[in-house]
């Protein structure tokens, strides 16, 4: 279960604490959606200077909004559209 902790030490040590906490949150849970939702919640808590954290999932044609925390976001991002769609297009084209 998640317990609020105070992250201490160097930036690397803090990152390792977050990774350890994420591993315990998703351990033995097969649901990708549930795991991504917990990951966004943890990252939103840990990264205090951000206003959005989340995941887009590629459905074979475009990116579709997945679990996130923050302001409303684009639901679908086509290949080649905007920065994210262009990055996806490049990844698909050049592997």
Protein backbone atom coordinates (compact mmCIF):
# COMPACT_ATOMS: atom_id res chain seq x y z
CA UNK A 1 0.00 0.00 0.00
CA UNK A 2 1.09 3.57 -0.62
CA UNK A 3 2.42 5.51 2.32
CA UNK A 4 3.36 9.15 1.99
CA UNK A 5 7.05 9.47 2.60
CA UNK A 6 9.44 12.35 2.68
CA UNK A 7 11.99 11.90 -0.06
CA UNK A 8 15.51 12.43 1.24
CA UNK A 9 19.05 12.34 -0.05
CA UNK A 10 20.48 13.21 -3.43
CA UNK A 11 18.31 13.52 -6.54
CA UNK A 12 19.41 10.03 -7.57
CA UNK A 13 18.51 8.62 -4.15
CA UNK A 14 15.10 10.30 -4.32
CA UNK A 15 14.49 8.85 -7.79
CA UNK A 16 15.42 5.41 -6.48
CA UNK A 17 12.94 5.86 -3.61
CA UNK A 18 10.17 6.72 -6.10
CA UNK A 19 11.07 3.72 -8.29
CA UNK A 20 10.99 1.45 -5.24
CA UNK A 21 7.62 2.84 -4.21
CA UNK A 22 6.25 2.40 -7.75
CA UNK A 23 7.44 -1.21 -7.85
CA UNK A 24 5.57 -1.90 -4.63
CA UNK A 25 2.42 -0.20 -5.98
CA UNK A 26 2.28 -2.26 -9.17
CA UNK A 27 3.66 -5.53 -7.80
CA UNK A 28 1.51 -8.47 -8.83
CA UNK A 29 -1.17 -6.28 -10.46
CA UNK A 30 -1.87 -7.39 -14.05
CA UNK A 31 -4.01 -4.39 -15.06
CA UNK A 32 -2.01 -2.02 -17.25
CA UNK A 33 -4.57 0.77 -16.70
CA UNK A 34 -4.48 0.41 -12.91
CA UNK A 35 -0.68 0.40 -12.91
CA UNK A 36 -0.46 3.48 -15.15
CA UNK A 37 -3.03 5.26 -12.95
CA UNK A 38 -0.97 4.57 -9.83
CA UNK A 39 2.20 5.65 -11.64
CA UNK A 40 0.64 9.00 -12.57
CA UNK A 41 -0.58 9.56 -9.03
CA UNK A 42 2.86 8.82 -7.58
CA UNK A 43 4.69 10.97 -10.13
CA UNK A 44 2.21 13.81 -9.66
CA UNK A 45 2.90 13.68 -5.92
CA UNK A 46 6.68 13.44 -6.34
CA UNK A 47 7.18 16.01 -9.13
CA UNK A 48 5.94 19.16 -7.45
CA UNK A 49 6.93 21.52 -10.29
CA UNK A 50 4.79 19.99 -13.04
CA UNK A 51 1.18 20.61 -14.06
CA UNK A 52 0.52 17.40 -16.03
CA UNK A 53 1.77 13.84 -15.91
CA UNK A 54 0.32 10.95 -17.81
CA UNK A 55 0.49 8.36 -20.52
CA UNK A 56 -0.64 8.05 -24.10
CA UNK A 57 -1.00 4.58 -25.58
CA UNK A 58 -0.40 3.75 -29.23
CA UNK A 59 -3.33 1.82 -30.72
CA UNK A 60 -1.58 1.03 -34.00
CA UNK A 61 -2.76 4.22 -35.71
CA UNK A 62 -2.50 7.07 -33.21
CA UNK A 63 -1.86 7.90 -29.57
CA UNK A 64 -4.87 7.65 -27.28
CA UNK A 65 -4.99 9.37 -23.91
CA UNK A 66 -4.49 7.03 -20.97
CA UNK A 67 -4.32 7.62 -17.24
CA UNK A 68 -3.16 11.11 -16.30
CA UNK A 69 -3.34 13.79 -13.63
CA UNK A 70 -3.55 17.46 -14.45
CA UNK A 71 -5.43 19.71 -16.83
CA UNK A 72 -7.60 18.19 -19.57
CA UNK A 73 -5.58 16.89 -22.51
CA UNK A 74 -5.99 15.98 -26.16
CA UNK A 75 -7.72 12.61 -26.38
CA UNK A 76 -6.10 11.49 -29.65
CA UNK A 77 -2.82 12.52 -31.26
CA UNK A 78 -2.43 11.42 -34.89
CA UNK A 79 0.93 10.32 -36.28
CA UNK A 80 2.87 13.36 -37.45
CA UNK A 81 0.69 15.98 -35.71
CA UNK A 82 2.37 18.33 -33.24
CA UNK A 83 5.56 17.58 -31.36
CA UNK A 84 4.36 14.34 -29.80
CA UNK A 85 2.78 12.99 -32.99
CA UNK A 86 5.89 13.89 -34.95
CA UNK A 87 8.09 12.09 -32.42
CA UNK A 88 5.84 9.04 -32.67
CA UNK A 89 5.95 9.18 -36.48
CA UNK A 90 9.78 9.27 -36.34
CA UNK A 91 9.86 6.35 -33.92
CA UNK A 92 7.55 4.30 -36.13
CA UNK A 93 9.48 5.17 -39.28
CA UNK A 94 13.00 4.73 -37.97
CA UNK A 95 12.46 2.26 -35.13
